[in-house]
């Protein structure tokens, strides 16, 4: 029995594809004995391609595996759009997805902000604005008013939160009385029916018409 070994070349071609969005490469194999060229397959689903599409990061895909990043608007394959904003649900590419330094979740750029206190990049779910200065601060650094739940940054809380009659109130829950010069809860105020000045509800009565009057208009008469 005689045997013979026949060597024949197999050609490997590197094909470069490009479009306005990116550039990618794929390999094709040509067998001269069988006179055929290997299939061109989608890099994501591995199905044979009849039409080839190129994602912005150079992956050769089919039309079904190609989508658009909702932030930059560029076409990407499914593997490149693996991240999404946890607030609005946008599908994002790796360049557009931003990681929140507080909760560690990925968000789109429109739902990210910078803390005025620490300078960290945080998402909208981890930041709140101060009720007085409107600066964005991390949730755990804000001080709540126990009465109305208004939130204040550490700096504004020193001037906006005060203790009145054993209760902590903010400037939104309290008021300065122009008559007795005290700061009191808002529910202790009413308007003088004559001068319409909002004063704390300890006015006297006019001895003639018996109207409730503030001390500015109160008349004292000796009989």
N, C-alpha and C. Protein backbone atom coordinates (compact mmCIF):
# COMPACT_ATOMS: atom_id res chain seq x y z
N UNK A 1 0.87 -1.20 0.00
CA UNK A 1 0.00 0.00 0.00
C UNK A 1 0.90 1.24 0.00
N UNK A 2 0.60 2.08 -0.92
CA UNK A 2 1.35 3.33 -0.99
C UNK A 2 0.44 4.50 -0.60
N UNK A 3 1.00 5.42 0.07
CA UNK A 3 0.26 6.65 0.43
C UNK A 3 1.05 7.85 -0.04
N UNK A 4 0.32 8.84 -0.29
CA UNK A 4 0.98 10.11 -0.65
C UNK A 4 0.29 11.26 0.09
N UNK A 5 1.07 12.15 0.54
CA UNK A 5 0.55 13.33 1.25
C UNK A 5 0.63 14.52 0.31
N UNK A 6 -0.52 15.10 0.08
CA UNK A 6 -0.58 16.25 -0.83
C UNK A 6 -0.82 17.51 0.00
N UNK A 7 0.04 18.45 -0.14
CA UNK A 7 -0.12 19.73 0.53
C UNK A 7 -0.69 20.74 -0.45
N UNK A 8 -1.69 21.49 0.00
CA UNK A 8 -2.19 22.57 -0.85
C UNK A 8 -2.53 23.77 0.06
N UNK A 9 -2.40 24.95 -0.44
CA UNK A 9 -2.56 26.14 0.41
C UNK A 9 -4.03 26.45 0.73
N UNK A 10 -4.23 26.92 1.93
CA UNK A 10 -5.52 27.49 2.35
C UNK A 10 -5.27 28.98 2.56
N UNK A 11 -6.07 29.79 1.93
CA UNK A 11 -5.84 31.24 1.98
C UNK A 11 -6.71 31.90 3.06
N UNK A 12 -6.07 32.64 3.92
CA UNK A 12 -6.77 33.43 4.94
C UNK A 12 -6.73 34.89 4.54
N UNK A 13 -7.90 35.46 4.40
CA UNK A 13 -8.00 36.87 4.04
C UNK A 13 -8.52 37.68 5.22
N UNK A 14 -7.88 38.77 5.46
CA UNK A 14 -8.38 39.72 6.46
C UNK A 14 -9.08 40.85 5.71
N UNK A 15 -10.37 40.95 5.96
CA UNK A 15 -11.17 41.95 5.25
C UNK A 15 -11.47 43.12 6.20
N UNK A 16 -11.19 44.31 5.77
CA UNK A 16 -11.45 45.52 6.55
C UNK A 16 -12.73 46.18 6.07
N UNK A 17 -13.63 46.42 7.00
CA UNK A 17 -14.89 47.10 6.71
C UNK A 17 -14.88 48.45 7.40
N UNK A 18 -15.42 49.43 6.76
CA UNK A 18 -15.48 50.77 7.38
C UNK A 18 -16.72 51.50 6.91
N UNK A 19 -17.18 52.38 7.76
CA UNK A 19 -18.26 53.30 7.40
C UNK A 19 -18.01 54.61 8.15
N UNK A 20 -18.97 55.51 8.11
CA UNK A 20 -18.77 56.81 8.75
C UNK A 20 -18.68 56.69 10.27
N UNK A 21 -19.18 55.56 10.82
CA UNK A 21 -19.19 55.41 12.28
C UNK A 21 -17.99 54.70 12.85
N UNK A 22 -17.32 53.84 12.08
CA UNK A 22 -16.20 53.10 12.63
C UNK A 22 -15.54 52.20 11.60
N UNK A 23 -14.61 51.36 12.09
CA UNK A 23 -13.85 50.46 11.22
C UNK A 23 -13.69 49.12 11.95
N UNK A 24 -13.85 48.00 11.18
CA UNK A 24 -13.70 46.68 11.77
C UNK A 24 -13.06 45.72 10.81
N UNK A 25 -12.60 44.58 11.34
CA UNK A 25 -11.95 43.57 10.51
C UNK A 25 -12.59 42.20 10.75
N UNK A 26 -12.60 41.37 9.73
CA UNK A 26 -13.09 40.00 9.84
C UNK A 26 -12.24 39.10 8.94
N UNK A 27 -12.17 37.82 9.26
CA UNK A 27 -11.34 36.88 8.50
C UNK A 27 -12.21 35.98 7.62
N UNK A 28 -11.73 35.73 6.40
CA UNK A 28 -12.37 34.81 5.47
C UNK A 28 -11.34 33.76 5.04
N UNK A 29 -11.80 32.52 4.88
CA UNK A 29 -10.91 31.42 4.50
C UNK A 29 -11.34 30.89 3.12
N UNK A 30 -10.36 30.79 2.20
CA UNK A 30 -10.65 30.26 0.86
C UNK A 30 -9.96 28.92 0.69
N UNK A 31 -10.74 27.91 0.31
CA UNK A 31 -10.22 26.57 0.05
C UNK A 31 -10.17 26.36 -1.47
N UNK A 32 -8.97 26.30 -2.07
CA UNK A 32 -8.88 26.19 -3.54
C UNK A 32 -9.30 24.82 -4.09
N UNK A 33 -9.21 23.77 -3.28
CA UNK A 33 -9.62 22.45 -3.74
C UNK A 33 -11.14 22.39 -3.83
N UNK A 34 -11.79 22.82 -2.77
CA UNK A 34 -13.26 22.81 -2.75
C UNK A 34 -13.85 24.04 -3.44
N UNK A 35 -12.98 25.01 -3.70
CA UNK A 35 -13.37 26.24 -4.38
C UNK A 35 -14.54 26.94 -3.67
N UNK A 36 -14.37 27.10 -2.37
CA UNK A 36 -15.40 27.85 -1.63
C UNK A 36 -14.74 28.78 -0.61
N UNK A 37 -15.52 29.76 -0.18
CA UNK A 37 -15.08 30.73 0.82
C UNK A 37 -15.93 30.53 2.07
N UNK A 38 -15.31 30.63 3.21
CA UNK A 38 -16.03 30.44 4.47
C UNK A 38 -17.14 31.48 4.63
N UNK A 39 -18.12 31.14 5.46
CA UNK A 39 -19.25 32.03 5.70
C UNK A 39 -18.81 33.26 6.50
N UNK A 40 -19.52 34.35 6.27
CA UNK A 40 -19.33 35.55 7.09
C UNK A 40 -20.47 35.56 8.11
N UNK A 41 -20.11 35.45 9.38
CA UNK A 41 -21.11 35.32 10.45
C UNK A 41 -21.19 36.57 11.32
N UNK A 42 -22.37 36.79 11.86
CA UNK A 42 -22.57 37.88 12.83
C UNK A 42 -21.78 37.57 14.09
N UNK A 43 -21.05 38.53 14.60
CA UNK A 43 -20.22 38.32 15.79
C UNK A 43 -21.05 38.17 17.06
N UNK A 44 -22.33 38.53 17.02
CA UNK A 44 -23.17 38.46 18.21
C UNK A 44 -24.00 37.17 18.22
N UNK A 45 -24.83 36.96 17.21
CA UNK A 45 -25.71 35.78 17.18
C UNK A 45 -25.12 34.62 16.40
N UNK A 46 -24.02 34.82 15.71
CA UNK A 46 -23.30 33.81 14.93
C UNK A 46 -24.06 33.31 13.71
N UNK A 47 -25.13 33.94 13.31
CA UNK A 47 -25.87 33.56 12.11
C UNK A 47 -25.13 34.05 10.87
N UNK A 48 -25.34 33.33 9.75
CA UNK A 48 -24.69 33.72 8.51
C UNK A 48 -25.26 35.05 8.02
N UNK A 49 -24.37 35.89 7.53
CA UNK A 49 -24.77 37.21 7.08
C UNK A 49 -25.02 37.23 5.57
N UNK A 50 -26.15 37.81 5.23
CA UNK A 50 -26.39 38.13 3.81
C UNK A 50 -26.11 39.61 3.57
N UNK A 51 -26.29 40.39 4.63
CA UNK A 51 -25.92 41.81 4.63
C UNK A 51 -25.15 42.08 5.92
N UNK A 52 -24.02 42.73 5.80
CA UNK A 52 -23.17 42.99 6.96
C UNK A 52 -23.34 44.44 7.42
N UNK A 53 -23.42 44.60 8.74
CA UNK A 53 -23.50 45.93 9.36
C UNK A 53 -22.34 46.07 10.34
N UNK A 54 -21.93 47.30 10.52
CA UNK A 54 -20.76 47.57 11.37
C UNK A 54 -21.16 48.48 12.51
N UNK A 55 -20.90 48.05 13.75
CA UNK A 55 -21.20 48.91 14.90
C UNK A 55 -20.06 49.92 15.08
N UNK A 56 -20.28 50.92 15.90
CA UNK A 56 -19.32 52.01 16.05
C UNK A 56 -17.99 51.56 16.65
N UNK A 57 -17.98 50.38 17.32
CA UNK A 57 -16.75 49.86 17.90
C UNK A 57 -16.12 48.77 17.05
N UNK A 58 -16.60 48.60 15.79
CA UNK A 58 -15.94 47.72 14.84
C UNK A 58 -16.44 46.30 14.80
N UNK A 59 -17.56 45.96 15.45
CA UNK A 59 -18.09 44.60 15.40
C UNK A 59 -18.98 44.43 14.16
N UNK A 60 -18.78 43.31 13.45
CA UNK A 60 -19.57 43.00 12.26
C UNK A 60 -20.81 42.24 12.71
N UNK A 61 -22.00 42.76 12.42
CA UNK A 61 -23.23 42.17 12.93
C UNK A 61 -24.31 42.13 11.85
N UNK A 62 -25.42 41.49 12.20
CA UNK A 62 -26.62 41.54 11.37
C UNK A 62 -27.48 42.73 11.81
N UNK A 63 -28.52 43.03 11.06
CA UNK A 63 -29.39 44.16 11.37
C UNK A 63 -30.10 43.97 12.72
N UNK A 64 -30.49 42.71 13.04
CA UNK A 64 -31.23 42.45 14.27
C UNK A 64 -30.39 42.68 15.53
N UNK A 65 -29.08 42.56 15.41
CA UNK A 65 -28.19 42.72 16.57
C UNK A 65 -27.64 44.14 16.69
N UNK A 66 -28.14 45.05 15.87
CA UNK A 66 -27.65 46.42 15.88
C UNK A 66 -28.72 47.34 16.45
N UNK A 67 -28.30 48.25 17.31
CA UNK A 67 -29.23 49.21 17.91
C UNK A 67 -28.52 50.55 18.07
N UNK A 68 -29.23 51.52 18.64
CA UNK A 68 -28.70 52.89 18.75
C UNK A 68 -28.57 53.27 20.22
N UNK A 69 -27.43 53.85 20.59
CA UNK A 69 -27.25 54.39 21.94
C UNK A 69 -28.14 55.61 22.09
N UNK A 70 -28.94 55.65 23.17
CA UNK A 70 -29.92 56.71 23.34
C UNK A 70 -29.31 58.04 23.77
N UNK A 71 -28.00 58.04 24.07
CA UNK A 71 -27.34 59.30 24.45
C UNK A 71 -26.57 59.91 23.28
N UNK A 72 -25.66 59.14 22.68
CA UNK A 72 -24.82 59.69 21.60
C UNK A 72 -25.44 59.49 20.22
N UNK A 73 -26.42 58.57 20.10
CA UNK A 73 -27.09 58.35 18.82
C UNK A 73 -26.32 57.49 17.84
N UNK A 74 -25.19 56.91 18.27
CA UNK A 74 -24.39 56.07 17.37
C UNK A 74 -24.91 54.63 17.40
N UNK A 75 -24.71 53.93 16.27
CA UNK A 75 -25.15 52.54 16.18
C UNK A 75 -24.15 51.61 16.85
N UNK A 76 -24.65 50.73 17.70
CA UNK A 76 -23.81 49.77 18.41
C UNK A 76 -24.49 48.41 18.38
N UNK A 77 -23.68 47.36 18.51
CA UNK A 77 -24.24 46.01 18.61
C UNK A 77 -24.73 45.77 20.04
N UNK A 78 -25.42 44.66 20.24
CA UNK A 78 -26.01 44.37 21.55
C UNK A 78 -24.97 44.23 22.65
N UNK A 79 -23.80 43.69 22.32
CA UNK A 79 -22.77 43.53 23.34
C UNK A 79 -22.19 44.87 23.78
N UNK A 80 -22.20 45.87 22.89
CA UNK A 80 -21.69 47.20 23.23
C UNK A 80 -22.74 48.03 23.97
N UNK A 81 -24.02 47.64 23.86
CA UNK A 81 -25.09 48.34 24.57
C UNK A 81 -25.56 47.51 25.76
N UNK A 82 -24.59 47.03 26.54
CA UNK A 82 -24.90 46.14 27.65
C UNK A 82 -25.36 46.88 28.90
N UNK A 83 -25.21 48.22 28.91
CA UNK A 83 -25.57 49.00 30.09
C UNK A 83 -26.82 49.82 29.81
N UNK A 84 -27.53 50.16 30.86
CA UNK A 84 -28.73 50.99 30.73
C UNK A 84 -28.86 51.89 31.95
N UNK A 85 -29.51 53.03 31.78
CA UNK A 85 -29.75 53.96 32.88
C UNK A 85 -30.82 53.37 33.80
N UNK A 86 -30.51 53.27 35.09
CA UNK A 86 -31.45 52.70 36.04
C UNK A 86 -32.62 53.60 36.36
N UNK A 87 -32.60 54.86 35.88
CA UNK A 87 -33.69 55.79 36.16
C UNK A 87 -34.67 55.88 34.99
N UNK A 88 -34.14 56.13 33.78
CA UNK A 88 -35.02 56.28 32.61
C UNK A 88 -35.03 55.04 31.71
N UNK A 89 -34.10 54.09 31.93
CA UNK A 89 -34.08 52.86 31.15
C UNK A 89 -33.41 52.97 29.80
N UNK A 90 -32.74 54.07 29.48
CA UNK A 90 -32.06 54.22 28.20
C UNK A 90 -30.96 53.18 28.03
N UNK A 91 -30.87 52.57 26.82
CA UNK A 91 -29.77 51.69 26.48
C UNK A 91 -28.56 52.55 26.14
N UNK A 92 -27.41 52.26 26.78
CA UNK A 92 -26.24 53.12 26.65
C UNK A 92 -25.01 52.34 26.23
N UNK A 93 -24.14 53.00 25.46
CA UNK A 93 -22.85 52.42 25.13
C UNK A 93 -21.88 52.66 26.29
N UNK A 94 -20.74 52.03 26.26
CA UNK A 94 -19.79 52.12 27.36
C UNK A 94 -19.25 53.54 27.55
N UNK A 95 -19.22 54.33 26.49
CA UNK A 95 -18.72 55.70 26.60
C UNK A 95 -19.73 56.64 27.26
N UNK A 96 -21.02 56.34 27.07
CA UNK A 96 -22.07 57.23 27.59
C UNK A 96 -22.56 56.83 28.97
N UNK A 97 -22.37 55.58 29.37
CA UNK A 97 -22.83 55.13 30.69
C UNK A 97 -21.89 55.66 31.76
N UNK A 98 -22.44 56.35 32.76
CA UNK A 98 -21.66 56.95 33.84
C UNK A 98 -22.01 56.24 35.14
N UNK A 99 -21.00 55.87 35.91
CA UNK A 99 -21.22 55.16 37.17
C UNK A 99 -21.33 56.15 38.32
N UNK A 100 -22.40 56.03 39.09
CA UNK A 100 -22.61 56.90 40.25
C UNK A 100 -21.62 56.52 41.35
N UNK A 101 -20.92 57.50 41.89
CA UNK A 101 -19.93 57.23 42.94
C UNK A 101 -20.57 56.87 44.27
N UNK A 102 -21.87 57.13 44.39
CA UNK A 102 -22.57 56.87 45.66
C UNK A 102 -23.19 55.47 45.69
N UNK A 103 -24.05 55.17 44.70
CA UNK A 103 -24.76 53.88 44.69
C UNK A 103 -24.09 52.85 43.78
N UNK A 104 -23.16 53.29 42.91
CA UNK A 104 -22.45 52.37 42.04
C UNK A 104 -23.24 51.92 40.83
N UNK A 105 -24.41 52.51 40.58
CA UNK A 105 -25.23 52.11 39.44
C UNK A 105 -24.93 53.01 38.23
N UNK A 106 -25.21 52.46 37.03
CA UNK A 106 -24.95 53.22 35.81
C UNK A 106 -26.16 54.08 35.46
N UNK A 107 -25.86 55.31 35.05
CA UNK A 107 -26.90 56.26 34.67
C UNK A 107 -26.51 56.95 33.36
N UNK A 108 -27.50 57.56 32.70
CA UNK A 108 -27.20 58.40 31.54
C UNK A 108 -26.70 59.76 32.04
N UNK A 109 -26.10 60.52 31.17
CA UNK A 109 -25.49 61.79 31.57
C UNK A 109 -26.52 62.79 32.08
N UNK A 110 -27.75 62.73 31.55
CA UNK A 110 -28.79 63.69 31.97
C UNK A 110 -29.27 63.43 33.40
N UNK A 111 -29.00 62.23 33.94
CA UNK A 111 -29.41 61.92 35.30
C UNK A 111 -28.22 61.86 36.26
N UNK A 112 -27.16 62.58 35.90
CA UNK A 112 -25.99 62.69 36.77
C UNK A 112 -25.78 64.14 37.17
N UNK A 113 -25.23 64.34 38.34
CA UNK A 113 -24.94 65.69 38.82
C UNK A 113 -23.70 65.66 39.71
N UNK A 114 -23.27 66.84 40.13
CA UNK A 114 -22.08 66.95 40.97
C UNK A 114 -22.46 67.50 42.33
N UNK A 115 -22.02 66.83 43.39
CA UNK A 115 -22.33 67.28 44.74
C UNK A 115 -21.57 68.57 45.05
N UNK A 116 -22.30 69.57 45.53
CA UNK A 116 -21.67 70.85 45.90
C UNK A 116 -20.85 70.72 47.18
N UNK A 117 -21.09 69.65 47.94
CA UNK A 117 -20.39 69.47 49.22
C UNK A 117 -19.09 68.70 49.05
N UNK A 118 -19.12 67.56 48.34
CA UNK A 118 -17.94 66.72 48.20
C UNK A 118 -17.30 66.77 46.82
N UNK A 119 -18.05 67.26 45.82
CA UNK A 119 -17.54 67.30 44.46
C UNK A 119 -17.65 65.99 43.72
N UNK A 120 -18.28 64.97 44.33
CA UNK A 120 -18.43 63.65 43.70
C UNK A 120 -19.53 63.69 42.64
N UNK A 121 -19.36 62.85 41.60
CA UNK A 121 -20.40 62.70 40.58
C UNK A 121 -21.41 61.68 41.06
N UNK A 122 -22.63 62.10 41.27
CA UNK A 122 -23.69 61.23 41.80
C UNK A 122 -24.91 61.31 40.90
N UNK A 123 -25.75 60.29 40.97
CA UNK A 123 -26.96 60.26 40.16
C UNK A 123 -28.08 61.04 40.83
N UNK A 124 -29.16 61.24 40.08
CA UNK A 124 -30.29 62.01 40.59
C UNK A 124 -30.97 61.34 41.77
N UNK A 125 -30.86 60.02 41.88
CA UNK A 125 -31.48 59.30 43.00
C UNK A 125 -30.70 59.50 44.29
N UNK A 126 -29.42 59.86 44.19
CA UNK A 126 -28.57 60.03 45.38
C UNK A 126 -28.37 61.49 45.75
N UNK A 127 -28.87 62.42 44.93
CA UNK A 127 -28.71 63.85 45.20
C UNK A 127 -30.06 64.50 45.44
N UNK A 128 -30.09 65.48 46.31
CA UNK A 128 -31.27 66.31 46.54
C UNK A 128 -30.81 67.76 46.66
N UNK A 129 -31.68 68.69 46.32
CA UNK A 129 -31.32 70.11 46.41
C UNK A 129 -31.71 70.66 47.78
N UNK A 130 -30.87 71.51 48.30
CA UNK A 130 -31.15 72.19 49.57
C UNK A 130 -32.35 73.11 49.38
N UNK A 131 -33.29 73.11 50.33
CA UNK A 131 -34.51 73.91 50.22
C UNK A 131 -34.24 75.40 50.25
N UNK A 132 -33.07 75.78 50.76
CA UNK A 132 -32.76 77.21 50.86
C UNK A 132 -31.83 77.68 49.75
N UNK A 133 -30.66 77.05 49.60
CA UNK A 133 -29.68 77.53 48.62
C UNK A 133 -29.78 76.79 47.28
N UNK A 134 -30.57 75.71 47.22
CA UNK A 134 -30.80 74.91 45.99
C UNK A 134 -29.57 74.17 45.50
N UNK A 135 -28.52 74.08 46.29
CA UNK A 135 -27.34 73.32 45.89
C UNK A 135 -27.62 71.83 46.01
N UNK A 136 -27.03 71.04 45.09
CA UNK A 136 -27.21 69.59 45.10
C UNK A 136 -26.25 68.96 46.11
N UNK A 137 -26.80 68.15 47.02
CA UNK A 137 -26.03 67.51 48.08
C UNK A 137 -26.44 66.04 48.15
N UNK A 138 -25.51 65.16 48.54
CA UNK A 138 -25.86 63.76 48.76
C UNK A 138 -26.93 63.64 49.85
N UNK A 139 -27.82 62.67 49.68
CA UNK A 139 -28.94 62.49 50.60
C UNK A 139 -28.51 62.38 52.05
N UNK A 140 -27.43 61.63 52.31
CA UNK A 140 -27.04 61.38 53.69
C UNK A 140 -26.39 62.59 54.36
N UNK A 141 -26.10 63.64 53.59
CA UNK A 141 -25.53 64.86 54.18
C UNK A 141 -26.59 65.93 54.45
N UNK A 142 -27.82 65.71 53.98
CA UNK A 142 -28.89 66.70 54.18
C UNK A 142 -29.52 66.54 55.56
N UNK A 143 -29.95 67.66 56.10
CA UNK A 143 -30.61 67.68 57.41
C UNK A 143 -32.08 67.97 57.20
N UNK A 144 -32.96 67.11 57.72
CA UNK A 144 -34.40 67.26 57.54
C UNK A 144 -35.03 68.09 58.64
N UNK A 145 -35.99 68.92 58.26
CA UNK A 145 -36.84 69.58 59.25
C UNK A 145 -37.87 68.54 59.70
N UNK A 146 -37.94 68.21 61.00
CA UNK A 146 -38.86 67.17 61.46
C UNK A 146 -40.33 67.53 61.32
N UNK A 147 -40.63 68.81 61.10
CA UNK A 147 -42.03 69.26 61.01
C UNK A 147 -42.57 69.18 59.59
N UNK A 148 -41.82 69.76 58.63
CA UNK A 148 -42.32 69.80 57.25
C UNK A 148 -41.51 68.97 56.28
N UNK A 149 -40.44 68.31 56.76
CA UNK A 149 -39.58 67.45 55.94
C UNK A 149 -38.79 68.20 54.87
N UNK A 150 -38.66 69.52 54.99
CA UNK A 150 -37.77 70.26 54.09
C UNK A 150 -36.34 69.81 54.36
N UNK A 151 -35.50 69.80 53.30
CA UNK A 151 -34.13 69.32 53.43
C UNK A 151 -33.16 70.48 53.26
N UNK A 152 -32.14 70.51 54.14
CA UNK A 152 -31.17 71.59 54.13
C UNK A 152 -29.75 71.04 54.14
N UNK A 153 -28.85 71.74 53.45
CA UNK A 153 -27.45 71.37 53.49
C UNK A 153 -26.88 71.72 54.87
N UNK A 154 -25.75 71.15 55.25
CA UNK A 154 -25.20 71.42 56.59
C UNK A 154 -25.02 72.91 56.89
N UNK A 155 -24.64 73.68 55.86
CA UNK A 155 -24.42 75.11 56.08
C UNK A 155 -25.73 75.85 56.34
N UNK A 156 -26.75 75.60 55.51
CA UNK A 156 -28.04 76.28 55.67
C UNK A 156 -28.82 75.81 56.89
N UNK A 157 -28.57 74.58 57.34
CA UNK A 157 -29.30 74.07 58.49
C UNK A 157 -28.96 74.83 59.77
N UNK A 158 -27.75 75.42 59.81
CA UNK A 158 -27.34 76.16 61.00
C UNK A 158 -28.15 77.44 61.18
N UNK A 159 -28.61 78.02 60.07
CA UNK A 159 -29.38 79.26 60.15
C UNK A 159 -30.88 79.04 59.93
N UNK A 160 -31.24 77.94 59.29
CA UNK A 160 -32.65 77.71 58.95
C UNK A 160 -33.40 76.88 59.99
N UNK A 161 -32.69 76.05 60.74
CA UNK A 161 -33.33 75.22 61.75
C UNK A 161 -33.12 75.80 63.14
N UNK A 162 -34.21 76.03 63.82
CA UNK A 162 -34.16 76.59 65.19
C UNK A 162 -35.09 75.80 66.09
N UNK A 163 -34.80 75.85 67.39
CA UNK A 163 -35.66 75.18 68.36
C UNK A 163 -36.62 76.19 68.97
N UNK A 164 -37.92 75.89 68.87
CA UNK A 164 -38.97 76.76 69.41
C UNK A 164 -39.91 75.90 70.24
N UNK A 165 -40.05 76.25 71.49
CA UNK A 165 -40.95 75.54 72.40
C UNK A 165 -40.67 74.04 72.41
N UNK A 166 -39.38 73.68 72.37
CA UNK A 166 -38.97 72.29 72.43
C UNK A 166 -39.03 71.55 71.11
N UNK A 167 -39.46 72.22 70.03
CA UNK A 167 -39.55 71.59 68.72
C UNK A 167 -38.55 72.24 67.77
N UNK A 168 -38.01 71.43 66.86
CA UNK A 168 -37.11 71.94 65.82
C UNK A 168 -37.93 72.33 64.61
N UNK A 169 -37.82 73.59 64.22
CA UNK A 169 -38.56 74.11 63.08
C UNK A 169 -37.61 74.79 62.11
N UNK A 170 -38.00 74.82 60.83
CA UNK A 170 -37.22 75.53 59.83
C UNK A 170 -37.88 76.88 59.55
N UNK A 171 -37.25 77.66 58.70
CA UNK A 171 -37.78 78.98 58.36
C UNK A 171 -39.11 78.89 57.63
N UNK A 172 -39.40 77.74 57.03
CA UNK A 172 -40.67 77.55 56.35
C UNK A 172 -41.81 77.26 57.33
N UNK A 173 -41.47 76.75 58.51
CA UNK A 173 -42.48 76.39 59.51
C UNK A 173 -42.64 77.46 60.59
N UNK A 174 -41.78 78.45 60.61
CA UNK A 174 -41.81 79.47 61.66
C UNK A 174 -41.90 80.87 61.06
N UNK A 175 -42.17 81.83 61.92
CA UNK A 175 -42.34 83.21 61.46
C UNK A 175 -41.93 84.16 62.57
N UNK A 176 -41.41 85.31 62.15
CA UNK A 176 -41.03 86.33 63.12
C UNK A 176 -42.18 87.29 63.34
N UNK A 177 -42.58 87.45 64.58
CA UNK A 177 -43.67 88.37 64.91
C UNK A 177 -43.12 89.79 65.04
N UNK A 178 -43.70 90.69 64.27
CA UNK A 178 -43.22 92.09 64.28
C UNK A 178 -43.66 92.84 65.52
N UNK A 179 -44.57 92.25 66.29
CA UNK A 179 -45.08 92.95 67.48
C UNK A 179 -44.32 92.53 68.73
N UNK A 180 -44.29 91.22 68.99
CA UNK A 180 -43.61 90.76 70.21
C UNK A 180 -42.14 90.43 69.95
N UNK A 181 -41.72 90.47 68.66
CA UNK A 181 -40.33 90.25 68.27
C UNK A 181 -39.84 88.83 68.56
N UNK A 182 -40.76 87.86 68.57
CA UNK A 182 -40.39 86.47 68.80
C UNK A 182 -40.54 85.67 67.51
N UNK A 183 -39.78 84.59 67.42
CA UNK A 183 -39.93 83.63 66.33
C UNK A 183 -40.80 82.49 66.84
N UNK A 184 -41.93 82.26 66.18
CA UNK A 184 -42.90 81.28 66.65
C UNK A 184 -43.36 80.41 65.50
N UNK A 185 -43.99 79.24 65.80
CA UNK A 185 -44.55 78.41 64.73
C UNK A 185 -45.61 79.16 63.94
N UNK A 186 -45.73 78.85 62.66
CA UNK A 186 -46.67 79.58 61.80
C UNK A 186 -48.12 79.44 62.23
N UNK A 187 -48.44 78.30 62.87
CA UNK A 187 -49.84 78.11 63.28
C UNK A 187 -50.24 79.00 64.45
N UNK A 188 -49.28 79.77 64.96
CA UNK A 188 -49.60 80.69 66.05
C UNK A 188 -49.83 82.11 65.53
N UNK A 189 -49.93 82.24 64.20
CA UNK A 189 -50.08 83.57 63.62
C UNK A 189 -51.47 83.75 63.00
N UNK A 190 -51.96 85.00 63.07
CA UNK A 190 -53.16 85.40 62.35
C UNK A 190 -53.02 86.87 61.99
N UNK A 191 -53.86 87.34 61.09
CA UNK A 191 -53.76 88.74 60.65
C UNK A 191 -54.64 89.63 61.50
N UNK A 192 -54.07 90.77 61.85
CA UNK A 192 -54.87 91.79 62.54
C UNK A 192 -55.97 92.26 61.58
N UNK A 193 -57.24 92.21 61.95
CA UNK A 193 -58.33 92.56 61.03
C UNK A 193 -58.33 94.01 60.59
N UNK A 194 -57.61 94.85 61.30
CA UNK A 194 -57.61 96.28 60.94
C UNK A 194 -56.43 96.65 60.06
N UNK A 195 -55.21 96.32 60.50
CA UNK A 195 -54.04 96.70 59.71
C UNK A 195 -53.53 95.57 58.84
N UNK A 196 -54.09 94.35 58.96
CA UNK A 196 -53.74 93.18 58.16
C UNK A 196 -52.31 92.72 58.36
N UNK A 197 -51.69 93.14 59.47
CA UNK A 197 -50.33 92.70 59.77
C UNK A 197 -50.36 91.28 60.35
N UNK A 198 -49.58 90.35 59.78
CA UNK A 198 -49.56 89.01 60.36
C UNK A 198 -48.76 89.01 61.66
N UNK A 199 -49.44 88.79 62.75
CA UNK A 199 -48.80 88.79 64.07
C UNK A 199 -49.22 87.53 64.82
N UNK A 200 -48.45 87.19 65.87
CA UNK A 200 -48.79 86.01 66.66
C UNK A 200 -50.14 86.23 67.34
N UNK A 201 -50.85 85.15 67.56
CA UNK A 201 -52.25 85.26 67.98
C UNK A 201 -52.43 85.54 69.47
N UNK A 202 -51.82 86.63 69.93
CA UNK A 202 -52.05 87.11 71.29
C UNK A 202 -52.44 88.59 71.28
N UNK A 203 -53.31 89.00 70.35
CA UNK A 203 -53.69 90.42 70.34
C UNK A 203 -54.75 90.72 71.39
N UNK A 204 -54.88 91.99 71.68
CA UNK A 204 -55.93 92.41 72.61
C UNK A 204 -57.16 92.87 71.84
N UNK A 205 -58.18 93.27 72.54
CA UNK A 205 -59.41 93.73 71.92
C UNK A 205 -59.58 95.23 72.12
N UNK A 206 -60.12 95.86 71.08
CA UNK A 206 -60.47 97.27 71.22
C UNK A 206 -61.64 97.36 72.22
N UNK A 207 -61.51 98.25 73.19
CA UNK A 207 -62.55 98.33 74.24
C UNK A 207 -63.84 98.94 73.72
N UNK A 208 -63.80 99.50 72.50
CA UNK A 208 -65.00 100.11 71.95
C UNK A 208 -65.73 99.15 71.00
N UNK A 209 -65.01 98.69 69.92
CA UNK A 209 -65.67 97.83 68.94
C UNK A 209 -65.47 96.35 69.21
N UNK A 210 -64.58 96.01 70.18
CA UNK A 210 -64.30 94.65 70.58
C UNK A 210 -63.58 93.82 69.50
N UNK A 211 -63.00 94.51 68.51
CA UNK A 211 -62.23 93.79 67.49
C UNK A 211 -60.88 93.36 68.07
N UNK A 212 -60.39 92.20 67.55
CA UNK A 212 -59.04 91.77 67.92
C UNK A 212 -58.04 92.68 67.20
N UNK A 213 -57.16 93.31 67.95
CA UNK A 213 -56.20 94.25 67.37
C UNK A 213 -54.78 93.89 67.79
N UNK A 214 -53.84 94.18 66.91
CA UNK A 214 -52.45 94.00 67.30
C UNK A 214 -52.05 95.13 68.23
N UNK A 215 -50.88 94.98 68.85
CA UNK A 215 -50.47 95.96 69.86
C UNK A 215 -50.23 97.34 69.27
N UNK A 216 -50.02 97.42 67.95
CA UNK A 216 -49.82 98.72 67.32
C UNK A 216 -51.11 99.55 67.36
N UNK A 217 -52.22 98.85 67.29
CA UNK A 217 -53.50 99.55 67.23
C UNK A 217 -54.31 99.45 68.53
N UNK A 218 -53.74 98.73 69.48
CA UNK A 218 -54.48 98.53 70.72
C UNK A 218 -54.64 99.86 71.47
N UNK A 219 -55.82 100.12 71.96
CA UNK A 219 -56.10 101.37 72.68
C UNK A 219 -56.30 101.06 74.17
N UNK A 220 -55.57 101.75 74.99
CA UNK A 220 -55.74 101.59 76.43
C UNK A 220 -56.46 102.83 76.97
N UNK A 221 -57.56 102.64 77.58
CA UNK A 221 -58.36 103.74 78.07
C UNK A 221 -58.63 103.59 79.56
N UNK A 222 -58.46 104.62 80.29
CA UNK A 222 -58.75 104.61 81.75
C UNK A 222 -60.13 105.17 81.97
N UNK A 223 -60.90 104.50 82.80
CA UNK A 223 -62.25 104.97 83.13
C UNK A 223 -62.21 105.70 84.47
